Amino acid sequence: MTNLKGNAAAPSRTTVRIPTASGDELEAWLYLPEGDGPHPAVVMAHGIGAIKAGGLAPFAERFCREGFAAVVFDYRQWGGSAGQPREELSFPRQLEDYGTVVGWATAHPDIDARRVFAWGTSFAGMYIVELAVSDSRLAGAIGQAPLVDGFAAARLASPVRGLQLLAVALLDRLGSVFGRPPRYLPGAGRPGELTIGATPDALFGEKLMTPKDGTEWRNRVAAGSLLSFSWRRPVRRAAAIRCPILLVVAEQDTMAPVGPAVRVTREAPRGELYRSRGGHYDVYQGGRSFDEVVRVEVEFLHRHAKTPAS
């Protein structure tokens, strides 16, 4: 392990490498609270096209100060993790990565295996719902500004833009059959542009997601990735969710449809809903609702981990 320390006010962290079944290691940051363990823990990952260096540290640091270990990882093919081709999204592979890191956390001597939570933001909301259904190791799950219905998100695009995205995705997938490098789509752009995110606040989100520590981030996604998730609808499995789940839904979200997320919290036996102010990106540090969102998430963690608030 290589010790990485932030400024004096930030909890220290270590960078760890976590093996996967494919042989490609995941890079993760491990934050451990002060005092004797084992500690409750939160396993964390970002949304589509983003990496852990782009806005996840403020959440992990807060959780750590509250007595929770945090394990913040990049998916295979993204950020500091291994895997080729780069910046290609596979829904099954990334869901598997979550499970791999949850398993690593439950086996860690400083982490309480009975109190491990999964946390995901934006696109990772789909993984959070799937994990809450299928992973009995979890004590709870949190999704913020969560996408829980890929089909509903795809319908937000105009018919013309939707057909354009589909055409580029099919060309990319066909090219991969013949060994060609991926065709990439930009991660953010203005409304009407051919990008993954083309909403009025997408460029604001890009600014918040850009790593402040100099970590390289290309902010692009292989176009064929769209075929991996646009038809997936974890919202339909809400009634089978096993553990407490909190979804923080942005009232003015134009990236992740609000209705399906609300449906999850209504149908999940132990579902909880919090409506945050502003849009999709306002939940991050620099957005208008960051402080209230972190407060609500910390309260949920303490309540279900049965730990006293700091």
Protein backbone atom coordinates (compact mmCIF):
# COMPACT_ATOMS: atom_id res chain seq x y z
CA MET A 1 0.00 0.00 0.00
CA THR A 2 1.08 3.55 -0.69
CA ASN A 3 0.04 6.09 1.91
CA LEU A 4 -1.61 9.19 0.46
CA LYS A 5 -2.43 12.05 2.80
CA GLY A 6 -4.52 15.01 1.94
CA ASN A 7 -4.39 18.34 3.73
CA ALA A 8 -4.30 18.47 7.53
CA ALA A 9 -8.08 18.62 7.81
CA ALA A 10 -8.72 15.61 5.58
CA PRO A 11 -8.56 12.02 6.87
CA SER A 12 -5.61 10.06 5.52
CA ARG A 13 -6.16 7.33 2.99
CA THR A 14 -4.24 4.47 1.44
CA THR A 15 -4.33 3.36 -2.17
CA VAL A 16 -4.96 -0.36 -2.56
CA ARG A 17 -5.18 -2.74 -5.53
CA ILE A 18 -8.03 -5.25 -5.48
CA PRO A 19 -7.82 -8.33 -7.74
CA THR A 20 -10.71 -9.34 -9.98
CA ALA A 21 -11.65 -12.60 -11.68
CA SER A 22 -10.39 -11.23 -15.02
CA GLY A 23 -6.94 -10.47 -13.58
CA ASP A 24 -7.40 -6.70 -14.01
CA GLU A 25 -6.88 -5.00 -10.65
CA LEU A 26 -9.18 -2.33 -9.30
CA GLU A 27 -7.63 0.74 -7.76
CA ALA A 28 -9.33 1.91 -4.58
CA TRP A 29 -8.84 4.45 -1.82
CA LEU A 30 -9.23 3.09 1.69
CA TYR A 31 -10.16 5.53 4.44
CA LEU A 32 -10.04 4.16 7.98
CA PRO A 33 -11.39 6.09 10.97
CA GLU A 34 -9.34 6.69 14.08
CA GLY A 35 -9.69 4.26 16.94
CA ASP A 36 -9.98 0.53 17.16
CA GLY A 37 -12.02 -1.41 14.64
CA PRO A 38 -13.66 -3.22 13.18
CA HIS A 39 -15.54 -0.27 11.68
CA PRO A 40 -18.73 -0.11 9.63
CA ALA A 41 -17.89 0.68 6.00
CA VAL A 42 -19.21 2.25 2.82
CA VAL A 43 -18.21 0.89 -0.63
CA MET A 44 -18.38 3.74 -3.14
CA ALA A 45 -18.20 4.28 -6.90
CA HIS A 46 -19.06 6.99 -9.42
CA GLY A 47 -21.53 7.32 -12.26
CA ILE A 48 -21.15 7.00 -16.01
CA GLY A 49 -17.83 8.24 -17.36
CA ALA A 50 -16.57 9.66 -14.05
CA ILE A 51 -13.73 8.49 -11.82
CA LYS A 52 -13.19 8.46 -8.08
CA ALA A 53 -10.85 11.48 -8.22
CA GLY A 54 -13.74 13.53 -9.60
CA GLY A 55 -15.77 14.46 -6.55
CA LEU A 56 -16.03 11.36 -4.34
CA ALA A 57 -13.37 12.29 -1.76
CA PRO A 58 -15.58 14.86 0.06
CA PHE A 59 -18.21 12.18 0.71
CA ALA A 60 -15.66 9.55 1.78
CA GLU A 61 -13.89 12.01 4.09
CA ARG A 62 -17.15 12.93 5.80
CA PHE A 63 -18.11 9.29 6.26
CA CYS A 64 -14.67 8.58 7.70
CA ARG A 65 -14.95 11.43 10.20
CA GLU A 66 -18.27 9.92 11.28
CA GLY A 67 -16.59 6.61 12.10
CA PHE A 68 -17.14 4.72 8.85
CA ALA A 69 -14.42 3.17 6.74
CA ALA A 70 -14.80 4.14 3.07
CA VAL A 71 -13.60 2.10 0.10
CA VAL A 72 -13.76 4.26 -3.03
CA PHE A 73 -12.94 2.47 -6.28
CA ASP A 74 -12.68 2.93 -10.03
CA TYR A 75 -14.33 0.35 -12.26
CA ARG A 76 -12.20 -1.77 -14.55
CA GLN A 77 -11.08 0.20 -17.63
CA TRP A 78 -11.55 3.52 -15.80
CA GLY A 79 -9.38 5.85 -13.75
CA GLY A 80 -6.59 4.11 -11.87
CA SER A 81 -7.94 0.61 -12.45
CA ALA A 82 -6.59 -1.77 -15.09
CA GLY A 83 -8.41 -3.10 -18.14
CA GLN A 84 -8.67 -2.48 -21.86
CA PRO A 85 -10.04 -0.81 -23.90
CA ARG A 86 -10.17 2.32 -21.80
CA GLU A 87 -13.38 4.19 -20.98
CA GLU A 88 -15.68 1.37 -22.06
CA LEU A 89 -18.70 0.62 -19.90
CA SER A 90 -20.08 -2.85 -19.34
CA PHE A 91 -23.08 -3.07 -17.03
CA PRO A 92 -22.41 -6.69 -15.93
CA ARG A 93 -18.69 -6.05 -15.43
CA GLN A 94 -19.18 -2.92 -13.33
CA LEU A 95 -21.85 -4.61 -11.22
CA GLU A 96 -19.38 -7.44 -10.69
CA ASP A 97 -16.74 -4.89 -9.64
CA TYR A 98 -19.06 -3.63 -6.90
CA GLY A 99 -19.48 -7.18 -5.64
CA THR A 100 -15.73 -7.75 -5.73
CA VAL A 101 -15.05 -4.68 -3.60
CA VAL A 102 -17.86 -5.54 -1.18
CA GLY A 103 -16.21 -8.96 -0.76
CA TRP A 104 -12.81 -7.36 -0.22
CA ALA A 105 -14.27 -5.03 2.40
CA THR A 106 -16.05 -7.78 4.32
CA ALA A 107 -12.76 -9.72 4.52
CA HIS A 108 -10.73 -6.73 5.78
CA PRO A 109 -9.71 -7.08 9.46
CA ASP A 110 -10.53 -3.44 10.23
CA ILE A 111 -14.03 -3.60 8.73
CA ASP A 112 -17.14 -5.09 10.33
CA ALA A 113 -18.48 -7.54 7.73
CA ARG A 114 -22.00 -7.22 9.16
CA ARG A 115 -22.13 -3.45 8.59
CA VAL A 116 -21.05 -2.83 4.99
CA PHE A 117 -23.09 -0.40 2.89
CA ALA A 118 -23.06 0.18 -0.88
CA TRP A 119 -23.12 3.78 -2.11
CA GLY A 120 -23.44 4.98 -5.70
CA THR A 121 -24.20 8.17 -7.51
CA SER A 122 -26.01 8.93 -10.77
CA PHE A 123 -25.67 6.00 -13.19
CA ALA A 124 -24.44 3.79 -10.33
CA GLY A 125 -27.97 3.97 -8.94
CA MET A 126 -28.78 1.01 -11.18
CA TYR A 127 -26.02 -1.02 -9.55
CA ILE A 128 -27.17 0.03 -6.10
CA VAL A 129 -30.68 -1.29 -6.73
CA GLU A 130 -29.36 -4.55 -8.18
CA LEU A 131 -27.02 -5.03 -5.22
CA ALA A 132 -29.75 -4.23 -2.72
CA VAL A 133 -31.78 -7.02 -4.30
CA SER A 134 -29.11 -9.68 -4.67
CA ASP A 135 -26.21 -9.10 -2.25
CA SER A 136 -27.09 -10.43 1.19
CA ARG A 137 -23.79 -9.14 2.61
CA LEU A 138 -25.05 -5.55 2.60
CA ALA A 139 -26.41 -3.78 5.66
CA GLY A 140 -27.88 -1.05 3.48
CA ALA A 141 -27.55 0.95 0.28
CA ILE A 142 -27.55 4.61 -0.79
CA GLY A 143 -28.10 6.06 -4.25
CA GLN A 144 -27.89 9.79 -4.90
CA ALA A 145 -29.35 11.47 -7.97
CA PRO A 146 -29.84 7.85 -9.02
CA LEU A 147 -30.57 6.49 -12.46
CA VAL A 148 -32.61 3.33 -11.87
CA ASP A 149 -34.25 2.87 -15.27
CA GLY A 150 -32.02 2.90 -18.35
CA PHE A 151 -34.97 2.77 -20.74
CA ALA A 152 -36.61 5.82 -19.14
CA ALA A 153 -33.34 7.74 -19.38
CA ALA A 154 -32.98 6.84 -23.06
CA ARG A 155 -36.44 8.25 -23.73
CA LEU A 156 -35.33 11.69 -22.48
CA ALA A 157 -33.41 12.16 -25.72
CA SER A 158 -35.22 13.57 -28.73
CA PRO A 159 -36.03 11.01 -31.44
CA VAL A 160 -33.35 12.44 -33.72
CA ARG A 161 -30.66 12.48 -31.05
CA GLY A 162 -31.69 9.03 -29.89
CA LEU A 163 -31.27 7.62 -33.40
CA GLN A 164 -27.91 9.35 -33.78
CA LEU A 165 -26.64 7.86 -30.53
CA LEU A 166 -27.90 4.42 -31.51
CA ALA A 167 -26.18 4.65 -34.89
CA VAL A 168 -22.82 5.60 -33.35
CA ALA A 169 -23.18 2.85 -30.74
CA LEU A 170 -23.89 0.21 -33.38
CA LEU A 171 -20.95 1.37 -35.52
CA ASP A 172 -18.67 1.17 -32.49
CA ARG A 173 -19.86 -2.32 -31.60
CA LEU A 174 -19.46 -3.47 -35.22
CA GLY A 175 -15.95 -2.00 -35.36
CA SER A 176 -14.96 -3.90 -32.22
CA VAL A 177 -15.82 -7.16 -33.98
CA PHE A 178 -13.14 -6.33 -36.53
CA GLY A 179 -10.61 -5.25 -33.92
CA ARG A 180 -11.01 -1.52 -34.42
CA PRO A 181 -10.45 0.92 -31.54
CA PRO A 182 -13.53 2.35 -29.84
CA ARG A 183 -15.47 5.34 -31.11
CA TYR A 184 -15.88 7.71 -28.19
CA LEU A 185 -18.63 10.12 -27.24
CA PRO A 186 -17.86 13.18 -25.10
CA GLY A 187 -19.16 12.92 -21.57
CA ALA A 188 -20.83 16.34 -21.49
CA GLY A 189 -22.11 18.96 -23.89
CA ARG A 190 -24.82 21.51 -24.52
CA PRO A 191 -28.40 20.51 -25.31
CA GLY A 192 -28.61 19.05 -28.80
CA GLU A 193 -24.96 18.01 -28.98
CA LEU A 194 -24.06 14.38 -29.52
CA THR A 195 -22.71 13.63 -26.04
CA ILE A 196 -23.59 11.32 -23.16
CA GLY A 197 -24.87 14.23 -21.10
CA ALA A 198 -26.52 17.02 -23.12
CA THR A 199 -28.56 18.88 -20.53
CA PRO A 200 -28.47 22.56 -19.54
CA ASP A 201 -26.38 21.72 -16.45
CA ALA A 202 -24.09 19.12 -18.06
CA LEU A 203 -21.11 21.48 -18.38
CA PHE A 204 -21.58 22.57 -14.77
CA GLY A 205 -21.42 18.89 -13.84
CA GLU A 206 -18.30 18.42 -15.94
CA LYS A 207 -16.61 21.20 -13.98
CA LEU A 208 -17.49 19.55 -10.66
CA MET A 209 -16.40 16.10 -11.88
CA THR A 210 -13.01 17.28 -13.17
CA PRO A 211 -10.33 16.05 -10.72
CA LYS A 212 -8.71 18.86 -8.73
CA ASP A 213 -5.57 16.85 -7.97
CA GLY A 214 -4.26 16.65 -11.54
CA THR A 215 -5.49 13.10 -12.16
CA GLU A 216 -5.98 12.56 -15.88
CA TRP A 217 -9.63 12.31 -16.91
CA ARG A 218 -10.67 12.12 -20.54
CA ASN A 219 -14.42 12.51 -19.89
CA ARG A 220 -15.46 10.22 -22.70
CA VAL A 221 -17.34 6.95 -23.07
CA ALA A 222 -17.00 4.30 -25.77
CA ALA A 223 -20.17 4.65 -27.84
CA GLY A 224 -20.93 0.93 -27.82
CA SER A 225 -21.35 1.19 -24.05
CA LEU A 226 -24.84 2.56 -24.64
CA LEU A 227 -25.97 -0.88 -25.79
CA SER A 228 -24.96 -2.33 -22.42
CA PHE A 229 -27.52 -0.52 -20.30
CA SER A 230 -30.20 1.42 -22.19
CA TRP A 231 -32.62 -1.50 -21.92
CA ARG A 232 -31.94 -2.34 -18.27
CA ARG A 233 -34.64 -1.54 -15.71
CA PRO A 234 -33.62 -2.33 -12.13
CA VAL A 235 -36.62 -0.30 -10.98
CA ARG A 236 -38.73 -3.38 -11.74
CA ARG A 237 -36.95 -5.32 -8.97
CA ALA A 238 -37.67 -2.79 -6.22
CA ALA A 239 -40.11 -5.02 -4.33
CA ALA A 240 -37.38 -7.66 -3.94
CA ILE A 241 -34.86 -5.34 -2.26
CA ARG A 242 -33.50 -7.05 0.85
CA CYS A 243 -31.95 -4.22 2.88
CA PRO A 244 -32.66 -0.61 3.88
CA ILE A 245 -32.17 1.65 0.86
CA LEU A 246 -32.03 5.45 0.71
CA LEU A 247 -32.45 7.26 -2.60
CA VAL A 248 -31.61 10.98 -2.68
CA VAL A 249 -33.62 12.37 -5.58
CA ALA A 250 -32.84 15.81 -7.00
CA GLU A 251 -36.08 17.73 -7.49
CA GLN A 252 -34.96 19.27 -10.80
CA ASP A 253 -32.99 16.32 -12.19
CA THR A 254 -32.85 16.34 -16.00
CA MET A 255 -30.35 13.47 -16.31
CA ALA A 256 -31.89 10.71 -14.18
CA PRO A 257 -35.70 10.44 -14.34
CA VAL A 258 -37.20 11.12 -10.93
CA GLY A 259 -40.34 8.98 -11.23
CA PRO A 260 -38.63 5.56 -11.32
CA ALA A 261 -36.45 6.44 -8.31
CA VAL A 262 -39.50 7.45 -6.29
CA ARG A 263 -41.15 4.18 -7.33
CA VAL A 264 -38.19 2.21 -5.95
CA THR A 265 -38.55 3.81 -2.52
CA ARG A 266 -42.30 3.16 -2.49
CA GLU A 267 -42.03 -0.50 -3.47
CA ALA A 268 -38.89 -1.45 -1.55
CA PRO A 269 -39.93 -2.89 1.83
CA ARG A 270 -37.43 -0.65 3.65
CA GLY A 271 -37.13 2.16 1.13
CA GLU A 272 -36.43 5.76 2.13
CA LEU A 273 -36.69 8.86 -0.05
CA TYR A 274 -35.09 12.27 0.33
CA ARG A 275 -35.76 15.06 -2.16
CA SER A 276 -32.79 17.40 -2.50
CA ARG A 277 -32.83 20.90 -3.90
CA GLY A 278 -31.63 21.69 -7.40
CA GLY A 279 -30.52 19.50 -10.26
CA HIS A 280 -28.56 16.35 -10.92
CA TYR A 281 -25.14 17.78 -10.08
CA ASP A 282 -26.15 19.89 -7.09
CA VAL A 283 -25.60 16.88 -4.81
CA TYR A 284 -21.81 17.18 -5.23
CA GLN A 285 -19.47 19.53 -3.42
CA GLY A 286 -19.86 22.87 -5.18
CA GLY A 287 -23.56 22.25 -5.74
CA ARG A 288 -26.35 23.87 -3.77
CA SER A 289 -27.48 20.73 -1.89
CA PHE A 290 -24.18 19.02 -1.02
CA ASP A 291 -24.29 19.80 2.70
CA GLU A 292 -27.87 18.65 3.18
CA VAL A 293 -27.32 15.49 1.13
CA VAL A 294 -24.28 14.44 3.14
CA ARG A 295 -26.15 15.12 6.36
CA VAL A 296 -29.05 12.90 5.30
CA GLU A 297 -26.73 10.11 4.14
CA VAL A 298 -24.74 10.20 7.39
CA GLU A 299 -27.94 10.01 9.42
CA PHE A 300 -29.07 6.97 7.40
CA LEU A 301 -25.72 5.24 7.91
CA HIS A 302 -25.67 5.85 11.66
CA ARG A 303 -29.24 4.68 12.07
CA HIS A 304 -28.81 1.42 10.20
CA ALA A 305 -25.28 0.71 11.44
CA LYS A 306 -26.54 1.42 14.97
CA THR A 307 -23.67 3.79 15.67
CA PRO A 308 -23.82 7.11 17.56
CA ALA A 309 -23.57 10.29 15.54
CA SER A 310 -20.36 12.28 16.04
